[in-house]
Amino acid sequence: MGAAFFYHLTESPLEAALPLLLGKARERGWRIELRGTDRARLDRLDLMLWERPEDGFLPHGMAGGPHDADQPILFTLGQGAANDPACVMAVDGAEVSAEETQALERLCVIFDGANPDAVAHARTQWKALTDAGCAAQYWAQDGGRWVKKAEKGDS
């Protein structure tokens, strides 16, 4: 049974934090679905990953191509990634469910701490997942590193 990890961006934007989080998940050997809500935003994140070779290449693709099932990281706008992910990273308020969390190794909800709507949505997601029995951890940036601030359930 998987766990939900909530990542509260307070010191850096998604564009800076995402390559690190994706890299950590890939180090575990996981296939990843990066789930967003806006195609233009996903296109910008896709381009950003291609243009940052100094951070190390993260192989990825946008859903809808002929090789979706082979992608280590697949960008999507919804559930049901063809790459059979062990980890889903939800950004920009993308929807998640308790059922999928329990079937995954890890669900990551990454949200912008400077956006009150994003924080409120993440709180709603935390409550829904933990009320459904999912283990969850809340991490926040602190001095350039991630610090676990809360935990609920077995994770």
C-alpha atoms as a PDB file:
ATOM      1  CA  MET A   1       0.000   0.000   0.000  1.00  0.00           C
ATOM      2  CA  GLY A   2       1.382   3.358  -1.035  1.00  0.00           C
ATOM      3  CA  ALA A   3       1.616   6.643   0.766  1.00  0.00           C
ATOM      4  CA  ALA A   4       0.855  10.215  -0.185  1.00  0.00           C
ATOM      5  CA  PHE A   5       3.661  12.738   0.215  1.00  0.00           C
ATOM      6  CA  PHE A   6       2.668  16.400   0.131  1.00  0.00           C
ATOM      7  CA  TYR A   7       5.426  18.795  -0.954  1.00  0.00           C
ATOM      8  CA  HIS A   8       4.815  22.430   0.033  1.00  0.00           C
ATOM      9  CA  LEU A   9       6.883  24.742  -2.188  1.00  0.00           C
ATOM     10  CA  THR A  10       7.869  27.703  -0.011  1.00  0.00           C
ATOM     11  CA  GLU A  11      11.355  28.593  -1.257  1.00  0.00           C
ATOM     12  CA  SER A  12      11.534  27.575  -4.894  1.00  0.00           C
ATOM     13  CA  PRO A  13       9.152  27.303  -7.815  1.00  0.00           C
ATOM     14  CA  LEU A  14       7.953  24.017  -9.262  1.00  0.00           C
ATOM     15  CA  GLU A  15      10.432  24.383 -12.122  1.00  0.00           C
ATOM     16  CA  ALA A  16      13.337  24.181  -9.640  1.00  0.00           C
ATOM     17  CA  ALA A  17      11.928  21.482  -7.341  1.00  0.00           C
ATOM     18  CA  LEU A  18      10.448  19.139  -9.930  1.00  0.00           C
ATOM     19  CA  PRO A  19      13.705  17.854 -11.489  1.00  0.00           C
ATOM     20  CA  LEU A  20      14.985  16.943  -8.014  1.00  0.00           C
ATOM     21  CA  LEU A  21      11.801  15.099  -7.043  1.00  0.00           C
ATOM     22  CA  LEU A  22      11.612  13.300 -10.388  1.00  0.00           C
ATOM     23  CA  GLY A  23      15.277  12.335 -10.065  1.00  0.00           C
ATOM     24  CA  LYS A  24      14.735  10.856  -6.590  1.00  0.00           C
ATOM     25  CA  ALA A  25      11.784   8.813  -7.835  1.00  0.00           C
ATOM     26  CA  ARG A  26      13.786   7.557 -10.827  1.00  0.00           C
ATOM     27  CA  GLU A  27      16.645   6.566  -8.492  1.00  0.00           C
ATOM     28  CA  ARG A  28      14.157   4.169  -6.879  1.00  0.00           C
ATOM     29  CA  GLY A  29      13.502   2.683 -10.307  1.00  0.00           C
ATOM     30  CA  TRP A  30       9.924   3.955 -10.449  1.00  0.00           C
ATOM     31  CA  ARG A  31       8.008   4.860 -13.572  1.00  0.00           C
ATOM     32  CA  ILE A  32       6.253   8.176 -12.992  1.00  0.00           C
ATOM     33  CA  GLU A  33       3.104   9.861 -14.183  1.00  0.00           C
ATOM     34  CA  LEU A  34       3.431  13.636 -13.919  1.00  0.00           C
ATOM     35  CA  ARG A  35      -0.205  14.714 -13.790  1.00  0.00           C
ATOM     36  CA  GLY A  36      -1.162  18.311 -14.449  1.00  0.00           C
ATOM     37  CA  THR A  37      -4.272  20.305 -15.239  1.00  0.00           C
ATOM     38  CA  ASP A  38      -3.088  22.557 -18.063  1.00  0.00           C
ATOM     39  CA  ARG A  39      -1.483  21.403 -21.315  1.00  0.00           C
ATOM     40  CA  ALA A  40       0.416  24.666 -21.803  1.00  0.00           C
ATOM     41  CA  ARG A  41       1.957  24.335 -18.333  1.00  0.00           C
ATOM     42  CA  LEU A  42       2.957  20.713 -19.031  1.00  0.00           C
ATOM     43  CA  ASP A  43       4.483  21.830 -22.333  1.00  0.00           C
ATOM     44  CA  ARG A  44       6.598  24.407 -20.450  1.00  0.00           C
ATOM     45  CA  LEU A  45       7.716  21.783 -17.895  1.00  0.00           C
ATOM     46  CA  ASP A  46       8.548  19.384 -20.740  1.00  0.00           C
ATOM     47  CA  LEU A  47      10.671  22.027 -22.455  1.00  0.00           C
ATOM     48  CA  MET A  48      12.349  22.933 -19.161  1.00  0.00           C
ATOM     49  CA  LEU A  49      13.441  19.304 -18.642  1.00  0.00           C
ATOM     50  CA  TRP A  50      14.895  19.158 -22.166  1.00  0.00           C
ATOM     51  CA  GLU A  51      16.812  22.423 -21.669  1.00  0.00           C
ATOM     52  CA  ARG A  52      18.426  21.574 -18.309  1.00  0.00           C
ATOM     53  CA  PRO A  53      21.097  18.987 -19.131  1.00  0.00           C
ATOM     54  CA  GLU A  54      23.303  20.312 -16.298  1.00  0.00           C
ATOM     55  CA  ASP A  55      20.884  18.636 -13.853  1.00  0.00           C
ATOM     56  CA  GLY A  56      21.144  15.336 -15.692  1.00  0.00           C
ATOM     57  CA  PHE A  57      18.756  14.090 -18.334  1.00  0.00           C
ATOM     58  CA  LEU A  58      15.392  12.779 -17.157  1.00  0.00           C
ATOM     59  CA  PRO A  59      13.849  10.674 -19.944  1.00  0.00           C
ATOM     60  CA  HIS A  60      10.212  11.634 -20.392  1.00  0.00           C
ATOM     61  CA  GLY A  61       7.424  12.161 -22.876  1.00  0.00           C
ATOM     62  CA  MET A  62       4.011  13.735 -23.290  1.00  0.00           C
ATOM     63  CA  ALA A  63       1.006  11.378 -23.243  1.00  0.00           C
ATOM     64  CA  GLY A  64      -0.542  10.710 -26.618  1.00  0.00           C
ATOM     65  CA  GLY A  65       2.540   9.484 -28.441  1.00  0.00           C
ATOM     66  CA  PRO A  66       3.225   6.049 -29.903  1.00  0.00           C
ATOM     67  CA  HIS A  67       5.679   5.130 -27.115  1.00  0.00           C
ATOM     68  CA  ASP A  68       3.700   6.148 -24.001  1.00  0.00           C
ATOM     69  CA  ALA A  69       4.048   2.700 -22.427  1.00  0.00           C
ATOM     70  CA  ASP A  70       7.853   2.928 -22.672  1.00  0.00           C
ATOM     71  CA  GLN A  71       8.220   6.348 -21.033  1.00  0.00           C
ATOM     72  CA  PRO A  72       9.935   6.373 -17.605  1.00  0.00           C
ATOM     73  CA  ILE A  73       8.176   9.719 -16.951  1.00  0.00           C
ATOM     74  CA  LEU A  74       4.889  10.398 -18.727  1.00  0.00           C
ATOM     75  CA  PHE A  75       3.211  13.814 -18.602  1.00  0.00           C
ATOM     76  CA  THR A  76      -0.603  13.524 -18.549  1.00  0.00           C
ATOM     77  CA  LEU A  77      -3.744  15.539 -17.990  1.00  0.00           C
ATOM     78  CA  GLY A  78      -5.556  12.738 -16.187  1.00  0.00           C
ATOM     79  CA  GLN A  79      -5.577   9.311 -14.664  1.00  0.00           C
ATOM     80  CA  GLY A  80      -4.677   6.131 -16.448  1.00  0.00           C
ATOM     81  CA  ALA A  81      -1.095   6.657 -17.612  1.00  0.00           C
ATOM     82  CA  ALA A  82      -0.001   4.101 -20.201  1.00  0.00           C
ATOM     83  CA  ASN A  83       3.458   3.712 -18.616  1.00  0.00           C
ATOM     84  CA  ASP A  84       2.134   1.772 -15.570  1.00  0.00           C
ATOM     85  CA  PRO A  85       3.542   4.221 -13.008  1.00  0.00           C
ATOM     86  CA  ALA A  86       4.627   3.278  -9.499  1.00  0.00           C
ATOM     87  CA  CYS A  87       4.578   6.985  -8.615  1.00  0.00           C
ATOM     88  CA  VAL A  88       2.172   9.757  -9.548  1.00  0.00           C
ATOM     89  CA  MET A  89       3.262  13.366  -9.101  1.00  0.00           C
ATOM     90  CA  ALA A  90       0.268  15.686  -9.158  1.00  0.00           C
ATOM     91  CA  VAL A  91       0.889  19.381  -9.801  1.00  0.00           C
ATOM     92  CA  ASP A  92      -1.316  22.456 -10.146  1.00  0.00           C
ATOM     93  CA  GLY A  93      -4.221  20.895  -8.256  1.00  0.00           C
ATOM     94  CA  ALA A  94      -4.504  17.732 -10.368  1.00  0.00           C
ATOM     95  CA  GLU A  95      -7.018  15.321  -8.904  1.00  0.00           C
ATOM     96  CA  VAL A  96      -5.930  12.223  -6.993  1.00  0.00           C
ATOM     97  CA  SER A  97      -7.822   9.428  -5.266  1.00  0.00           C
ATOM     98  CA  ALA A  98      -7.415   7.179  -2.264  1.00  0.00           C
ATOM     99  CA  GLU A  99      -7.808   4.086  -4.453  1.00  0.00           C
ATOM    100  CA  GLU A 100      -4.916   5.005  -6.703  1.00  0.00           C
ATOM    101  CA  THR A 101      -2.772   6.070  -3.740  1.00  0.00           C
ATOM    102  CA  GLN A 102      -3.214   2.628  -2.205  1.00  0.00           C
ATOM    103  CA  ALA A 103      -2.226   0.952  -5.483  1.00  0.00           C
ATOM    104  CA  LEU A 104       0.930   3.052  -5.983  1.00  0.00           C
ATOM    105  CA  GLU A 105       4.312   3.032  -4.307  1.00  0.00           C
ATOM    106  CA  ARG A 106       4.001   6.798  -3.863  1.00  0.00           C
ATOM    107  CA  LEU A 107       1.652   9.649  -4.657  1.00  0.00           C
ATOM    108  CA  CYS A 108       3.248  13.094  -4.551  1.00  0.00           C
ATOM    109  CA  VAL A 109       1.127  16.229  -4.353  1.00  0.00           C
ATOM    110  CA  ILE A 110       3.312  19.236  -5.118  1.00  0.00           C
ATOM    111  CA  PHE A 111       1.782  22.625  -4.398  1.00  0.00           C
ATOM    112  CA  ASP A 112       2.738  26.299  -4.402  1.00  0.00           C
ATOM    113  CA  GLY A 113       2.844  27.770  -0.889  1.00  0.00           C
ATOM    114  CA  ALA A 114       2.466  31.303  -2.262  1.00  0.00           C
ATOM    115  CA  ASN A 115      -0.931  30.457  -3.760  1.00  0.00           C
ATOM    116  CA  PRO A 116      -3.697  30.365  -1.096  1.00  0.00           C
ATOM    117  CA  ASP A 117      -6.010  28.403  -3.420  1.00  0.00           C
ATOM    118  CA  ALA A 118      -3.316  25.772  -3.996  1.00  0.00           C
ATOM    119  CA  VAL A 119      -2.714  25.440  -0.253  1.00  0.00           C
ATOM    120  CA  ALA A 120      -6.455  25.104   0.439  1.00  0.00           C
ATOM    121  CA  HIS A 121      -6.796  22.462  -2.290  1.00  0.00           C
ATOM    122  CA  ALA A 122      -3.837  20.490  -0.910  1.00  0.00           C
ATOM    123  CA  ARG A 123      -5.426  20.565   2.556  1.00  0.00           C
ATOM    124  CA  THR A 124      -8.655  19.204   1.073  1.00  0.00           C
ATOM    125  CA  GLN A 125      -6.698  16.452  -0.680  1.00  0.00           C
ATOM    126  CA  TRP A 126      -4.812  15.604   2.546  1.00  0.00           C
ATOM    127  CA  LYS A 127      -8.072  15.294   4.471  1.00  0.00           C
ATOM    128  CA  ALA A 128      -9.765  13.181   1.790  1.00  0.00           C
ATOM    129  CA  LEU A 129      -6.819  10.793   1.520  1.00  0.00           C
ATOM    130  CA  THR A 130      -6.150  10.426   5.242  1.00  0.00           C
ATOM    131  CA  ASP A 131      -9.881  10.076   6.023  1.00  0.00           C
ATOM    132  CA  ALA A 132      -9.910   7.201   3.509  1.00  0.00           C
ATOM    133  CA  GLY A 133      -7.081   5.497   5.428  1.00  0.00           C
ATOM    134  CA  CYS A 134      -4.104   6.493   3.278  1.00  0.00           C
ATOM    135  CA  ALA A 135      -0.796   7.101   4.989  1.00  0.00           C
ATOM    136  CA  ALA A 136       0.456  10.633   4.345  1.00  0.00           C
ATOM    137  CA  GLN A 137       3.455  12.819   5.012  1.00  0.00           C
ATOM    138  CA  TYR A 138       3.703  16.585   4.740  1.00  0.00           C
ATOM    139  CA  TRP A 139       7.067  18.030   3.678  1.00  0.00           C
ATOM    140  CA  ALA A 140       8.027  21.703   3.443  1.00  0.00           C
ATOM    141  CA  GLN A 141      11.109  23.448   2.179  1.00  0.00           C
ATOM    142  CA  ASP A 142      13.311  24.776   4.957  1.00  0.00           C
ATOM    143  CA  GLY A 143      16.685  26.369   4.269  1.00  0.00           C
ATOM    144  CA  GLY A 144      17.028  24.706   0.866  1.00  0.00           C
ATOM    145  CA  ARG A 145      16.093  21.208   1.952  1.00  0.00           C
ATOM    146  CA  TRP A 146      12.930  19.213   2.535  1.00  0.00           C
ATOM    147  CA  VAL A 147      11.831  18.743   6.149  1.00  0.00           C
ATOM    148  CA  LYS A 148       9.041  16.414   7.236  1.00  0.00           C
ATOM    149  CA  LYS A 149       6.527  18.483   9.220  1.00  0.00           C
ATOM    150  CA  ALA A 150       3.653  16.008   9.731  1.00  0.00           C
ATOM    151  CA  GLU A 151       2.772  12.370   9.261  1.00  0.00           C
ATOM    152  CA  LYS A 152      -0.444  10.408   9.509  1.00  0.00           C
ATOM    153  CA  GLY A 153      -0.874   6.648   9.272  1.00  0.00           C
ATOM    154  CA  ASP A 154       1.706   4.005   8.362  1.00  0.00           C
ATOM    155  CA  SER A 155       4.171   5.286   5.776  1.00  0.00           C
END
